[in-house]
Each structure stands twice: as structure tokens, then as C-alpha cells.
Amino acid sequence: MSKNKPHTILVVEDVDEISANMTAALKERGHRVERALDAEQAIQMAEENRPAVILTDLDLPTFDKLMNLLRAHTDLKNMVVAIIDITTPEVSDQTVNILGDFQALDDLIESSPASK
């Protein structure tokens, strides 16, 4: 469980089972979770709720659209996007962070400007 204060995480996932599993793992770590099915819903929810992080996966059919909408959005262009992928080495650029586990996600959240 995360020792840090809880944050709101926006899970963007079109497969209900994956979304439910991510949600359960995040709630177990003490976070609040919002869920969106696609890019458009994610942008609307991010505007309303200002999550600390958007958590999604590379297989999301609207992943590219999500990234393009975030980059074009004046208030959300610096939103932190994370992907947990145990088969990919931990990497990040200025837009997307690919992380190996939920502890790395907690560390990312704590270091993001939205969590301050």
C-alpha cells in the first residue's frame, strides 16, 4: 500500500476486466480512481477532475487520439500519462511514462507537479 497521500488517478481502458483490475490495485494502494473508456471521455473527465495521473495502456484503440488531444489542450498538455507494462523496461519521455509496477507509479505521482 502507498504510504503517500491518496491521489485521483484517471484509468483510461476500454476492456472492463483490465479497467477493474487496475482500479482495484490502485484503490488497494489508497488512491481514488475515475474510469474512462476512450480518449474523448478521458479528456472531459480530466478537465473536470484534474487527476494526478492518467493511467492507460498502449493497446487502447484511442491511445494516439488521447495523446494528441492532451498535447493540443491548453490546460492538460502537461498531464502525466503512465502505462504499467511489466514486459517493457521502465522508460519515460516528456509525455508518456512506461513503468514496471505500481510502486513506480506511486513514485511518479509523488514527483508530479499535480500532486503538490
PDB file of N, CA and C in Angstrom:
ATOM      1  N   MET A   1       0.833  -1.182   0.000  1.00  0.00           N
ATOM      2  CA  MET A   1       0.000   0.000   0.000  1.00  0.00           C
ATOM      3  C   MET A   1       0.876   1.244   0.000  1.00  0.00           C
ATOM      4  N   SER A   2       0.402   2.254  -0.693  1.00  0.00           N
ATOM      5  CA  SER A   2       1.131   3.512  -0.775  1.00  0.00           C
ATOM      6  C   SER A   2       1.149   4.194   0.589  1.00  0.00           C
ATOM      7  N   LYS A   3       2.309   4.675   0.990  1.00  0.00           N
ATOM      8  CA  LYS A   3       2.418   5.407   2.250  1.00  0.00           C
ATOM      9  C   LYS A   3       2.118   6.877   2.041  1.00  0.00           C
ATOM     10  N   ASN A   4       1.993   7.297   0.797  1.00  0.00           N
ATOM     11  CA  ASN A   4       1.789   8.693   0.467  1.00  0.00           C
ATOM     12  C   ASN A   4       0.310   9.036   0.489  1.00  0.00           C
ATOM     13  N   LYS A   5       0.017  10.326   0.424  1.00  0.00           N
ATOM     14  CA  LYS A   5      -1.386  10.727   0.433  1.00  0.00           C
ATOM     15  C   LYS A   5      -2.079  10.222  -0.834  1.00  0.00           C
ATOM     16  N   PRO A   6      -3.376   9.933  -0.731  1.00  0.00           N
ATOM     17  CA  PRO A   6      -4.087   9.423  -1.901  1.00  0.00           C
ATOM     18  C   PRO A   6      -4.247  10.502  -2.970  1.00  0.00           C
ATOM     19  N   HIS A   7      -4.225  10.075  -4.198  1.00  0.00           N
ATOM     20  CA  HIS A   7      -4.411  10.965  -5.329  1.00  0.00           C
ATOM     21  C   HIS A   7      -5.478  10.380  -6.239  1.00  0.00           C
ATOM     22  N   THR A   8      -6.040  11.220  -7.077  1.00  0.00           N
ATOM     23  CA  THR A   8      -7.001  10.739  -8.055  1.00  0.00           C
ATOM     24  C   THR A   8      -6.250  10.293  -9.298  1.00  0.00           C
ATOM     25  N   ILE A   9      -6.535   9.076  -9.731  1.00  0.00           N
ATOM     26  CA  ILE A   9      -5.949   8.502 -10.937  1.00  0.00           C
ATOM     27  C   ILE A   9      -7.082   8.294 -11.928  1.00  0.00           C
ATOM     28  N   LEU A  10      -6.887   8.734 -13.147  1.00  0.00           N
ATOM     29  CA  LEU A  10      -7.862   8.501 -14.209  1.00  0.00           C
ATOM     30  C   LEU A  10      -7.396   7.300 -15.014  1.00  0.00           C
ATOM     31  N   VAL A  11      -8.139   6.195 -14.934  1.00  0.00           N
ATOM     32  CA  VAL A  11      -7.838   4.984 -15.683  1.00  0.00           C
ATOM     33  C   VAL A  11      -8.609   5.051 -16.993  1.00  0.00           C
ATOM     34  N   VAL A  12      -7.875   5.003 -18.110  1.00  0.00           N
ATOM     35  CA  VAL A  12      -8.490   5.030 -19.437  1.00  0.00           C
ATOM     36  C   VAL A  12      -8.259   3.664 -20.061  1.00  0.00           C
ATOM     37  N   GLU A  13      -9.320   2.874 -20.122  1.00  0.00           N
ATOM     38  CA  GLU A  13      -9.210   1.490 -20.578  1.00  0.00           C
ATOM     39  C   GLU A  13     -10.548   1.041 -21.143  1.00  0.00           C
ATOM     40  N   ASP A  14     -10.515   0.443 -22.328  1.00  0.00           N
ATOM     41  CA  ASP A  14     -11.747   0.000 -22.982  1.00  0.00           C
ATOM     42  C   ASP A  14     -12.129  -1.439 -22.636  1.00  0.00           C
ATOM     43  N   VAL A  15     -11.239  -2.196 -22.026  1.00  0.00           N
ATOM     44  CA  VAL A  15     -11.545  -3.569 -21.623  1.00  0.00           C
ATOM     45  C   VAL A  15     -11.917  -3.545 -20.142  1.00  0.00           C
ATOM     46  N   ASP A  16     -13.183  -3.900 -19.852  1.00  0.00           N
ATOM     47  CA  ASP A  16     -13.701  -3.765 -18.497  1.00  0.00           C
ATOM     48  C   ASP A  16     -12.896  -4.556 -17.470  1.00  0.00           C
ATOM     49  N   GLU A  17     -12.477  -5.761 -17.802  1.00  0.00           N
ATOM     50  CA  GLU A  17     -11.722  -6.585 -16.852  1.00  0.00           C
ATOM     51  C   GLU A  17     -10.387  -5.932 -16.492  1.00  0.00           C
ATOM     52  N   ILE A  18      -9.697  -5.395 -17.476  1.00  0.00           N
ATOM     53  CA  ILE A  18      -8.417  -4.717 -17.221  1.00  0.00           C
ATOM     54  C   ILE A  18      -8.651  -3.460 -16.398  1.00  0.00           C
ATOM     55  N   SER A  19      -9.678  -2.693 -16.763  1.00  0.00           N
ATOM     56  CA  SER A  19     -10.003  -1.480 -16.025  1.00  0.00           C
ATOM     57  C   SER A  19     -10.330  -1.803 -14.571  1.00  0.00           C
ATOM     58  N   ALA A  20     -11.120  -2.839 -14.353  1.00  0.00           N
ATOM     59  CA  ALA A  20     -11.491  -3.239 -12.993  1.00  0.00           C
ATOM     60  C   ALA A  20     -10.265  -3.679 -12.197  1.00  0.00           C
ATOM     61  N   ASN A  21      -9.356  -4.420 -12.836  1.00  0.00           N
ATOM     62  CA  ASN A  21      -8.139  -4.864 -12.143  1.00  0.00           C
ATOM     63  C   ASN A  21      -7.240  -3.689 -11.775  1.00  0.00           C
ATOM     64  N   MET A  22      -7.068  -2.749 -12.710  1.00  0.00           N
ATOM     65  CA  MET A  22      -6.256  -1.564 -12.407  1.00  0.00           C
ATOM     66  C   MET A  22      -6.900  -0.759 -11.286  1.00  0.00           C
ATOM     67  N   THR A  23      -8.211  -0.592 -11.362  1.00  0.00           N
ATOM     68  CA  THR A  23      -8.932   0.160 -10.336  1.00  0.00           C
ATOM     69  C   THR A  23      -8.753  -0.479  -8.965  1.00  0.00           C
ATOM     70  N   ALA A  24      -8.917  -1.793  -8.888  1.00  0.00           N
ATOM     71  CA  ALA A  24      -8.768  -2.496  -7.605  1.00  0.00           C
ATOM     72  C   ALA A  24      -7.353  -2.328  -7.048  1.00  0.00           C
ATOM     73  N   ALA A  25      -6.349  -2.471  -7.901  1.00  0.00           N
ATOM     74  CA  ALA A  25      -4.962  -2.328  -7.446  1.00  0.00           C
ATOM     75  C   ALA A  25      -4.681  -0.914  -6.950  1.00  0.00           C
ATOM     76  N   LEU A  26      -5.211   0.075  -7.651  1.00  0.00           N
ATOM     77  CA  LEU A  26      -4.995   1.468  -7.236  1.00  0.00           C
ATOM     78  C   LEU A  26      -5.721   1.789  -5.933  1.00  0.00           C
ATOM     79  N   LYS A  27      -6.944   1.317  -5.806  1.00  0.00           N
ATOM     80  CA  LYS A  27      -7.698   1.551  -4.565  1.00  0.00           C
ATOM     81  C   LYS A  27      -7.029   0.862  -3.386  1.00  0.00           C
ATOM     82  N   GLU A  28      -6.479  -0.324  -3.631  1.00  0.00           N
ATOM     83  CA  GLU A  28      -5.748  -1.034  -2.582  1.00  0.00           C
ATOM     84  C   GLU A  28      -4.544  -0.225  -2.112  1.00  0.00           C
ATOM     85  N   ARG A  29      -3.970   0.569  -3.003  1.00  0.00           N
ATOM     86  CA  ARG A  29      -2.818   1.412  -2.674  1.00  0.00           C
ATOM     87  C   ARG A  29      -3.262   2.747  -2.069  1.00  0.00           C
ATOM     88  N   GLY A  30      -4.583   2.937  -1.933  1.00  0.00           N
ATOM     89  CA  GLY A  30      -5.101   4.124  -1.260  1.00  0.00           C
ATOM     90  C   GLY A  30      -5.501   5.267  -2.168  1.00  0.00           C
ATOM     91  N   HIS A  31      -5.510   5.064  -3.478  1.00  0.00           N
ATOM     92  CA  HIS A  31      -5.849   6.134  -4.407  1.00  0.00           C
ATOM     93  C   HIS A  31      -7.342   6.168  -4.719  1.00  0.00           C
ATOM     94  N   ARG A  32      -7.815   7.331  -5.142  1.00  0.00           N
ATOM     95  CA  ARG A  32      -9.162   7.478  -5.686  1.00  0.00           C
ATOM     96  C   ARG A  32      -9.059   7.218  -7.182  1.00  0.00           C
ATOM     97  N   VAL A  33     -10.065   6.598  -7.760  1.00  0.00           N
ATOM     98  CA  VAL A  33      -9.988   6.225  -9.170  1.00  0.00           C
ATOM     99  C   VAL A  33     -11.214   6.700  -9.921  1.00  0.00           C
ATOM    100  N   GLU A  34     -10.981   7.313 -11.061  1.00  0.00           N
ATOM    101  CA  GLU A  34     -12.015   7.639 -12.037  1.00  0.00           C
ATOM    102  C   GLU A  34     -11.741   6.762 -13.249  1.00  0.00           C
ATOM    103  N   ARG A  35     -12.789   6.361 -13.973  1.00  0.00           N
ATOM    104  CA  ARG A  35     -12.602   5.484 -15.129  1.00  0.00           C
ATOM    105  C   ARG A  35     -13.221   6.089 -16.377  1.00  0.00           C
ATOM    106  N   ALA A  36     -12.485   5.997 -17.482  1.00  0.00           N
ATOM    107  CA  ALA A  36     -12.963   6.439 -18.793  1.00  0.00           C
ATOM    108  C   ALA A  36     -12.730   5.315 -19.791  1.00  0.00           C
ATOM    109  N   LEU A  37     -13.584   5.258 -20.815  1.00  0.00           N
ATOM    110  CA  LEU A  37     -13.490   4.195 -21.818  1.00  0.00           C
ATOM    111  C   LEU A  37     -12.663   4.571 -23.033  1.00  0.00           C
ATOM    112  N   ASP A  38     -12.559   5.884 -23.320  1.00  0.00           N
ATOM    113  CA  ASP A  38     -11.873   6.307 -24.544  1.00  0.00           C
ATOM    114  C   ASP A  38     -11.292   7.704 -24.368  1.00  0.00           C
ATOM    115  N   ALA A  39     -10.638   8.183 -25.414  1.00  0.00           N
ATOM    116  CA  ALA A  39      -9.936   9.467 -25.361  1.00  0.00           C
ATOM    117  C   ALA A  39     -10.863  10.637 -25.057  1.00  0.00           C
ATOM    118  N   GLU A  40     -11.999  10.687 -25.735  1.00  0.00           N
ATOM    119  CA  GLU A  40     -12.911  11.822 -25.545  1.00  0.00           C
ATOM    120  C   GLU A  40     -13.428  11.888 -24.116  1.00  0.00           C
ATOM    121  N   GLN A  41     -13.843  10.741 -23.588  1.00  0.00           N
ATOM    122  CA  GLN A  41     -14.332  10.705 -22.214  1.00  0.00           C
ATOM    123  C   GLN A  41     -13.203  11.047 -21.244  1.00  0.00           C
ATOM    124  N   ALA A  42     -11.997  10.591 -21.520  1.00  0.00           N
ATOM    125  CA  ALA A  42     -10.860  10.878 -20.653  1.00  0.00           C
ATOM    126  C   ALA A  42     -10.571  12.373 -20.585  1.00  0.00           C
ATOM    127  N   ILE A  43     -10.603  13.047 -21.719  1.00  0.00           N
ATOM    128  CA  ILE A  43     -10.339  14.491 -21.737  1.00  0.00           C
ATOM    129  C   ILE A  43     -11.400  15.226 -20.933  1.00  0.00           C
ATOM    130  N   GLN A  44     -12.662  14.860 -21.133  1.00  0.00           N
ATOM    131  CA  GLN A  44     -13.747  15.506 -20.394  1.00  0.00           C
ATOM    132  C   GLN A  44     -13.567  15.300 -18.888  1.00  0.00           C
ATOM    133  N   MET A  45     -13.260  14.080 -18.488  1.00  0.00           N
ATOM    134  CA  MET A  45     -13.087  13.794 -17.067  1.00  0.00           C
ATOM    135  C   MET A  45     -11.842  14.482 -16.501  1.00  0.00           C
ATOM    136  N   ALA A  46     -10.775  14.540 -17.278  1.00  0.00           N
ATOM    137  CA  ALA A  46      -9.559  15.220 -16.818  1.00  0.00           C
ATOM    138  C   ALA A  46      -9.811  16.711 -16.630  1.00  0.00           C
ATOM    139  N   GLU A  47     -10.593  17.309 -17.519  1.00  0.00           N
ATOM    140  CA  GLU A  47     -10.942  18.722 -17.365  1.00  0.00           C
ATOM    141  C   GLU A  47     -11.715  18.950 -16.070  1.00  0.00           C
ATOM    142  N   GLU A  48     -12.632  18.043 -15.765  1.00  0.00           N
ATOM    143  CA  GLU A  48     -13.491  18.189 -14.586  1.00  0.00           C
ATOM    144  C   GLU A  48     -12.774  17.855 -13.283  1.00  0.00           C
ATOM    145  N   ASN A  49     -11.938  16.820 -13.293  1.00  0.00           N
ATOM    146  CA  ASN A  49     -11.395  16.275 -12.042  1.00  0.00           C
ATOM    147  C   ASN A  49      -9.916  16.519 -11.800  1.00  0.00           C
ATOM    148  N   ARG A  50      -9.165  16.927 -12.810  1.00  0.00           N
ATOM    149  CA  ARG A  50      -7.722  17.182 -12.685  1.00  0.00           C
ATOM    150  C   ARG A  50      -6.993  16.072 -11.934  1.00  0.00           C
ATOM    151  N   PRO A  51      -6.948  14.872 -12.512  1.00  0.00           N
ATOM    152  CA  PRO A  51      -6.260  13.772 -11.835  1.00  0.00           C
ATOM    153  C   PRO A  51      -4.759  14.011 -11.746  1.00  0.00           C
ATOM    154  N   ALA A  52      -4.123  13.337 -10.820  1.00  0.00           N
ATOM    155  CA  ALA A  52      -2.665  13.431 -10.691  1.00  0.00           C
ATOM    156  C   ALA A  52      -1.992  12.770 -11.878  1.00  0.00           C
ATOM    157  N   VAL A  53      -2.596  11.683 -12.382  1.00  0.00           N
ATOM    158  CA  VAL A  53      -2.029  10.905 -13.471  1.00  0.00           C
ATOM    159  C   VAL A  53      -3.152  10.287 -14.288  1.00  0.00           C
ATOM    160  N   ILE A  54      -2.919  10.142 -15.575  1.00  0.00           N
ATOM    161  CA  ILE A  54      -3.788   9.335 -16.428  1.00  0.00           C
ATOM    162  C   ILE A  54      -3.063   8.012 -16.637  1.00  0.00           C
ATOM    163  N   LEU A  55      -3.713   6.912 -16.272  1.00  0.00           N
ATOM    164  CA  LEU A  55      -3.140   5.583 -16.431  1.00  0.00           C
ATOM    165  C   LEU A  55      -3.885   4.872 -17.556  1.00  0.00           C
ATOM    166  N   THR A  56      -3.156   4.415 -18.552  1.00  0.00           N
ATOM    167  CA  THR A  56      -3.759   3.738 -19.702  1.00  0.00           C
ATOM    168  C   THR A  56      -2.823   2.642 -20.176  1.00  0.00           C
ATOM    169  N   ASP A  57      -3.067   2.133 -21.386  1.00  0.00           N
ATOM    170  CA  ASP A  57      -2.142   1.159 -21.952  1.00  0.00           C
ATOM    171  C   ASP A  57      -1.943   1.433 -23.432  1.00  0.00           C
ATOM    172  N   LEU A  58      -0.876   0.891 -23.969  1.00  0.00           N
ATOM    173  CA  LEU A  58      -0.538   1.147 -25.373  1.00  0.00           C
ATOM    174  C   LEU A  58      -1.529   0.516 -26.337  1.00  0.00           C
ATOM    175  N   ASP A  59      -2.315  -0.457 -25.885  1.00  0.00           N
ATOM    176  CA  ASP A  59      -3.287  -1.130 -26.738  1.00  0.00           C
ATOM    177  C   ASP A  59      -4.631  -0.415 -26.795  1.00  0.00           C
ATOM    178  N   LEU A  60      -4.785   0.677 -26.071  1.00  0.00           N
ATOM    179  CA  LEU A  60      -6.033   1.429 -26.117  1.00  0.00           C
ATOM    180  C   LEU A  60      -6.273   1.890 -27.549  1.00  0.00           C
ATOM    181  N   PRO A  61      -7.420   1.534 -28.161  1.00  0.00           N
ATOM    182  CA  PRO A  61      -7.664   1.925 -29.555  1.00  0.00           C
ATOM    183  C   PRO A  61      -7.578   3.435 -29.796  1.00  0.00           C
ATOM    184  N   THR A  62      -7.875   4.223 -28.772  1.00  0.00           N
ATOM    185  CA  THR A  62      -7.832   5.678 -28.940  1.00  0.00           C
ATOM    186  C   THR A  62      -6.604   6.298 -28.272  1.00  0.00           C
ATOM    187  N   PHE A  63      -5.524   5.492 -28.075  1.00  0.00           N
ATOM    188  CA  PHE A  63      -4.322   5.998 -27.406  1.00  0.00           C
ATOM    189  C   PHE A  63      -3.727   7.202 -28.146  1.00  0.00           C
ATOM    190  N   ASP A  64      -3.525   7.081 -29.453  1.00  0.00           N
ATOM    191  CA  ASP A  64      -2.942   8.193 -30.213  1.00  0.00           C
ATOM    192  C   ASP A  64      -3.828   9.426 -30.149  1.00  0.00           C
ATOM    193  N   LYS A  65      -5.125   9.213 -30.227  1.00  0.00           N
ATOM    194  CA  LYS A  65      -6.057  10.339 -30.131  1.00  0.00           C
ATOM    195  C   LYS A  65      -5.976  10.993 -28.753  1.00  0.00           C
ATOM    196  N   LEU A  66      -5.883  10.174 -27.703  1.00  0.00           N
ATOM    197  CA  LEU A  66      -5.736  10.702 -26.355  1.00  0.00           C
ATOM    198  C   LEU A  66      -4.499  11.576 -26.261  1.00  0.00           C
ATOM    199  N   MET A  67      -3.371  11.073 -26.763  1.00  0.00           N
ATOM    200  CA  MET A  67      -2.136  11.836 -26.691  1.00  0.00           C
ATOM    201  C   MET A  67      -2.233  13.131 -27.491  1.00  0.00           C
ATOM    202  N   ASN A  68      -2.833  13.083 -28.659  1.00  0.00           N
ATOM    203  CA  ASN A  68      -2.991  14.287 -29.479  1.00  0.00           C
ATOM    204  C   ASN A  68      -3.913  15.303 -28.809  1.00  0.00           C
ATOM    205  N   LEU A  69      -5.006  14.832 -28.220  1.00  0.00           N
ATOM    206  CA  LEU A  69      -5.923  15.739 -27.523  1.00  0.00           C
ATOM    207  C   LEU A  69      -5.248  16.383 -26.317  1.00  0.00           C
ATOM    208  N   LEU A  70      -4.469  15.602 -25.580  1.00  0.00           N
ATOM    209  CA  LEU A  70      -3.756  16.167 -24.430  1.00  0.00           C
ATOM    210  C   LEU A  70      -2.748  17.224 -24.860  1.00  0.00           C
ATOM    211  N   ARG A  71      -1.971  16.925 -25.898  1.00  0.00           N
ATOM    212  CA  ARG A  71      -0.960  17.883 -26.370  1.00  0.00           C
ATOM    213  C   ARG A  71      -1.595  19.186 -26.864  1.00  0.00           C
ATOM    214  N   ALA A  72      -2.793  19.080 -27.450  1.00  0.00           N
ATOM    215  CA  ALA A  72      -3.462  20.259 -28.009  1.00  0.00           C
ATOM    216  C   ALA A  72      -4.238  21.046 -26.960  1.00  0.00           C
ATOM    217  N   HIS A  73      -4.474  20.457 -25.812  1.00  0.00           N
ATOM    218  CA  HIS A  73      -5.303  21.083 -24.778  1.00  0.00           C
ATOM    219  C   HIS A  73      -4.457  22.042 -23.944  1.00  0.00           C
ATOM    220  N   THR A  74      -4.868  23.279 -23.887  1.00  0.00           N
ATOM    221  CA  THR A  74      -4.107  24.303 -23.179  1.00  0.00           C
ATOM    222  C   THR A  74      -3.835  23.944 -21.725  1.00  0.00           C
ATOM    223  N   ASP A  75      -4.857  23.475 -21.016  1.00  0.00           N
ATOM    224  CA  ASP A  75      -4.713  23.203 -19.589  1.00  0.00           C
ATOM    225  C   ASP A  75      -4.213  21.802 -19.264  1.00  0.00           C
ATOM    226  N   LEU A  76      -4.286  20.887 -20.212  1.00  0.00           N
ATOM    227  CA  LEU A  76      -3.926  19.495 -19.924  1.00  0.00           C
ATOM    228  C   LEU A  76      -2.657  19.028 -20.622  1.00  0.00           C
ATOM    229  N   LYS A  77      -2.013  19.888 -21.388  1.00  0.00           N
ATOM    230  CA  LYS A  77      -0.880  19.440 -22.198  1.00  0.00           C
ATOM    231  C   LYS A  77       0.297  18.925 -21.369  1.00  0.00           C
ATOM    232  N   ASN A  78       0.353  19.264 -20.087  1.00  0.00           N
ATOM    233  CA  ASN A  78       1.430  18.765 -19.227  1.00  0.00           C
ATOM    234  C   ASN A  78       0.970  17.632 -18.306  1.00  0.00           C
ATOM    235  N   MET A  79      -0.212  17.087 -18.587  1.00  0.00           N
ATOM    236  CA  MET A  79      -0.745  15.993 -17.783  1.00  0.00           C
ATOM    237  C   MET A  79       0.196  14.790 -17.872  1.00  0.00           C
ATOM    238  N   VAL A  80       0.434  14.143 -16.755  1.00  0.00           N
ATOM    239  CA  VAL A  80       1.300  12.972 -16.719  1.00  0.00           C
ATOM    240  C   VAL A  80       0.493  11.755 -17.154  1.00  0.00           C
ATOM    241  N   VAL A  81       1.025  11.037 -18.128  1.00  0.00           N
ATOM    242  CA  VAL A  81       0.404   9.802 -18.619  1.00  0.00           C
ATOM    243  C   VAL A  81       1.333   8.654 -18.262  1.00  0.00           C
ATOM    244  N   ALA A  82       0.763   7.595 -17.703  1.00  0.00           N
ATOM    245  CA  ALA A  82       1.562   6.443 -17.310  1.00  0.00           C
ATOM    246  C   ALA A  82       0.970   5.161 -17.869  1.00  0.00           C
ATOM    247  N   ILE A  83       1.840   4.221 -18.113  1.00  0.00           N
ATOM    248  CA  ILE A  83       1.473   2.893 -18.587  1.00  0.00           C
ATOM    249  C   ILE A  83       2.256   1.911 -17.742  1.00  0.00           C
ATOM    250  N   ILE A  84       1.573   0.925 -17.162  1.00  0.00           N
ATOM    251  CA  ILE A  84       2.280  -0.115 -16.424  1.00  0.00           C
ATOM    252  C   ILE A  84       2.408  -1.303 -17.359  1.00  0.00           C
ATOM    253  N   ASP A  85       3.636  -1.660 -17.654  1.00  0.00           N
ATOM    254  CA  ASP A  85       3.915  -2.749 -18.582  1.00  0.00           C
ATOM    255  C   ASP A  85       5.121  -3.509 -18.063  1.00  0.00           C
ATOM    256  N   ILE A  86       4.864  -4.684 -17.512  1.00  0.00           N
ATOM    257  CA  ILE A  86       5.961  -5.438 -16.901  1.00  0.00           C
ATOM    258  C   ILE A  86       6.907  -6.045 -17.932  1.00  0.00           C
ATOM    259  N   THR A  87       6.533  -6.008 -19.212  1.00  0.00           N
ATOM    260  CA  THR A  87       7.402  -6.592 -20.247  1.00  0.00           C
ATOM    261  C   THR A  87       8.302  -5.562 -20.906  1.00  0.00           C
ATOM    262  N   THR A  88       8.093  -4.293 -20.594  1.00  0.00           N
ATOM    263  CA  THR A  88       8.868  -3.214 -21.201  1.00  0.00           C
ATOM    264  C   THR A  88       9.742  -2.563 -20.131  1.00  0.00           C
ATOM    265  N   PRO A  89      10.979  -2.291 -20.434  1.00  0.00           N
ATOM    266  CA  PRO A  89      11.831  -1.605 -19.445  1.00  0.00           C
ATOM    267  C   PRO A  89      11.220  -0.252 -19.063  1.00  0.00           C
ATOM    268  N   GLU A  90      11.492   0.172 -17.855  1.00  0.00           N
ATOM    269  CA  GLU A  90      10.986   1.454 -17.394  1.00  0.00           C
ATOM    270  C   GLU A  90      11.620   2.573 -18.205  1.00  0.00           C
ATOM    271  N   VAL A  91      10.788   3.322 -18.907  1.00  0.00           N
ATOM    272  CA  VAL A  91      11.257   4.449 -19.707  1.00  0.00           C
ATOM    273  C   VAL A  91      10.292   5.600 -19.550  1.00  0.00           C
ATOM    274  N   SER A  92      10.732   6.776 -19.897  1.00  0.00           N
ATOM    275  CA  SER A  92       9.830   7.917 -19.922  1.00  0.00           C
ATOM    276  C   SER A  92      10.385   8.981 -20.845  1.00  0.00           C
ATOM    277  N   ASP A  93       9.469   9.774 -21.349  1.00  0.00           N
ATOM    278  CA  ASP A  93       9.846  10.978 -22.076  1.00  0.00           C
ATOM    279  C   ASP A  93       9.019  12.096 -21.455  1.00  0.00           C
ATOM    280  N   GLN A  94       8.875  13.185 -22.115  1.00  0.00           N
ATOM    281  CA  GLN A  94       8.128  14.286 -21.509  1.00  0.00           C
ATOM    282  C   GLN A  94       6.629  14.040 -21.516  1.00  0.00           C
ATOM    283  N   THR A  95       6.164  13.032 -22.240  1.00  0.00           N
ATOM    284  CA  THR A  95       4.739  12.804 -22.369  1.00  0.00           C
ATOM    285  C   THR A  95       4.265  11.516 -21.711  1.00  0.00           C
ATOM    286  N   VAL A  96       4.944  10.415 -21.975  1.00  0.00           N
ATOM    287  CA  VAL A  96       4.488   9.106 -21.515  1.00  0.00           C
ATOM    288  C   VAL A  96       5.547   8.451 -20.657  1.00  0.00           C
ATOM    289  N   ASN A  97       5.108   7.852 -19.564  1.00  0.00           N
ATOM    290  CA  ASN A  97       5.979   7.119 -18.656  1.00  0.00           C
ATOM    291  C   ASN A  97       5.567   5.663 -18.669  1.00  0.00           C
ATOM    292  N   ILE A  98       6.467   4.773 -19.074  1.00  0.00           N
ATOM    293  CA  ILE A  98       6.187   3.341 -19.051  1.00  0.00           C
ATOM    294  C   ILE A  98       6.869   2.780 -17.811  1.00  0.00           C
ATOM    295  N   LEU A  99       6.070   2.220 -16.926  1.00  0.00           N
ATOM    296  CA  LEU A  99       6.541   1.819 -15.611  1.00  0.00           C
ATOM    297  C   LEU A  99       6.400   0.319 -15.416  1.00  0.00           C
ATOM    298  N   GLY A 100       7.233  -0.237 -14.581  1.00  0.00           N
ATOM    299  CA  GLY A 100       7.235  -1.670 -14.356  1.00  0.00           C
ATOM    300  C   GLY A 100       6.258  -2.166 -13.318  1.00  0.00           C
ATOM    301  N   ASP A 101       5.799  -1.279 -12.425  1.00  0.00           N
ATOM    302  CA  ASP A 101       4.893  -1.739 -11.376  1.00  0.00           C
ATOM    303  C   ASP A 101       4.181  -0.553 -10.728  1.00  0.00           C
ATOM    304  N   PHE A 102       3.280  -0.867  -9.789  1.00  0.00           N
ATOM    305  CA  PHE A 102       2.500   0.184  -9.145  1.00  0.00           C
ATOM    306  C   PHE A 102       3.334   1.033  -8.191  1.00  0.00           C
ATOM    307  N   GLN A 103       4.423   0.497  -7.634  1.00  0.00           N
ATOM    308  CA  GLN A 103       5.300   1.314  -6.796  1.00  0.00           C
ATOM    309  C   GLN A 103       5.946   2.415  -7.624  1.00  0.00           C
ATOM    310  N   ALA A 104       6.354   2.080  -8.843  1.00  0.00           N
ATOM    311  CA  ALA A 104       6.918   3.103  -9.733  1.00  0.00           C
ATOM    312  C   ALA A 104       5.869   4.162 -10.059  1.00  0.00           C
ATOM    313  N   LEU A 105       4.615   3.740 -10.172  1.00  0.00           N
ATOM    314  CA  LEU A 105       3.529   4.709 -10.407  1.00  0.00           C
ATOM    315  C   LEU A 105       3.377   5.631  -9.208  1.00  0.00           C
ATOM    316  N   ASP A 106       3.384   5.064  -7.996  1.00  0.00           N
ATOM    317  CA  ASP A 106       3.307   5.901  -6.792  1.00  0.00           C
ATOM    318  C   ASP A 106       4.443   6.916  -6.746  1.00  0.00           C
ATOM    319  N   ASP A 107       5.646   6.480  -7.081  1.00  0.00           N
ATOM    320  CA  ASP A 107       6.804   7.379  -7.083  1.00  0.00           C
ATOM    321  C   ASP A 107       6.621   8.486  -8.115  1.00  0.00           C
ATOM    322  N   LEU A 108       6.103   8.130  -9.281  1.00  0.00           N
ATOM    323  CA  LEU A 108       5.851   9.122 -10.333  1.00  0.00           C
ATOM    324  C   LEU A 108       4.816  10.139  -9.879  1.00  0.00           C
ATOM    325  N   ILE A 109       3.751   9.671  -9.262  1.00  0.00           N
ATOM    326  CA  ILE A 109       2.682  10.558  -8.770  1.00  0.00           C
ATOM    327  C   ILE A 109       3.251  11.540  -7.767  1.00  0.00           C
ATOM    328  N   GLU A 110       4.032  11.036  -6.835  1.00  0.00           N
ATOM    329  CA  GLU A 110       4.588  11.907  -5.797  1.00  0.00           C
ATOM    330  C   GLU A 110       5.522  12.959  -6.359  1.00  0.00           C
ATOM    331  N   SER A 111       6.157  12.678  -7.500  1.00  0.00           N
ATOM    332  CA  SER A 111       7.084  13.641  -8.074  1.00  0.00           C
ATOM    333  C   SER A 111       6.420  14.570  -9.097  1.00  0.00           C
ATOM    334  N   SER A 112       5.149  14.307  -9.433  1.00  0.00           N
ATOM    335  CA  SER A 112       4.489  15.131 -10.449  1.00  0.00           C
ATOM    336  C   SER A 112       4.002  16.449  -9.860  1.00  0.00           C
ATOM    337  N   PRO A 113       3.992  17.506 -10.657  1.00  0.00           N
ATOM    338  CA  PRO A 113       3.533  18.810 -10.178  1.00  0.00           C
ATOM    339  C   PRO A 113       2.093  18.785  -9.703  1.00  0.00           C
ATOM    340  N   ALA A 114       1.252  17.932 -10.276  1.00  0.00           N
ATOM    341  CA  ALA A 114      -0.171  17.882  -9.895  1.00  0.00           C
ATOM    342  C   ALA A 114      -0.368  17.372  -8.473  1.00  0.00           C
ATOM    343  N   SER A 115       0.622  16.683  -7.910  1.00  0.00           N
ATOM    344  CA  SER A 115       0.470  16.124  -6.561  1.00  0.00           C
ATOM    345  C   SER A 115       0.913  17.095  -5.474  1.00  0.00           C
ATOM    346  N   LYS A 116       1.484  18.192  -5.862  1.00  0.00           N
ATOM    347  CA  LYS A 116       1.993  19.147  -4.866  1.00  0.00           C
ATOM    348  C   LYS A 116       0.877  19.997  -4.307  1.00  0.00           C
TER     349      LYS A 116
END
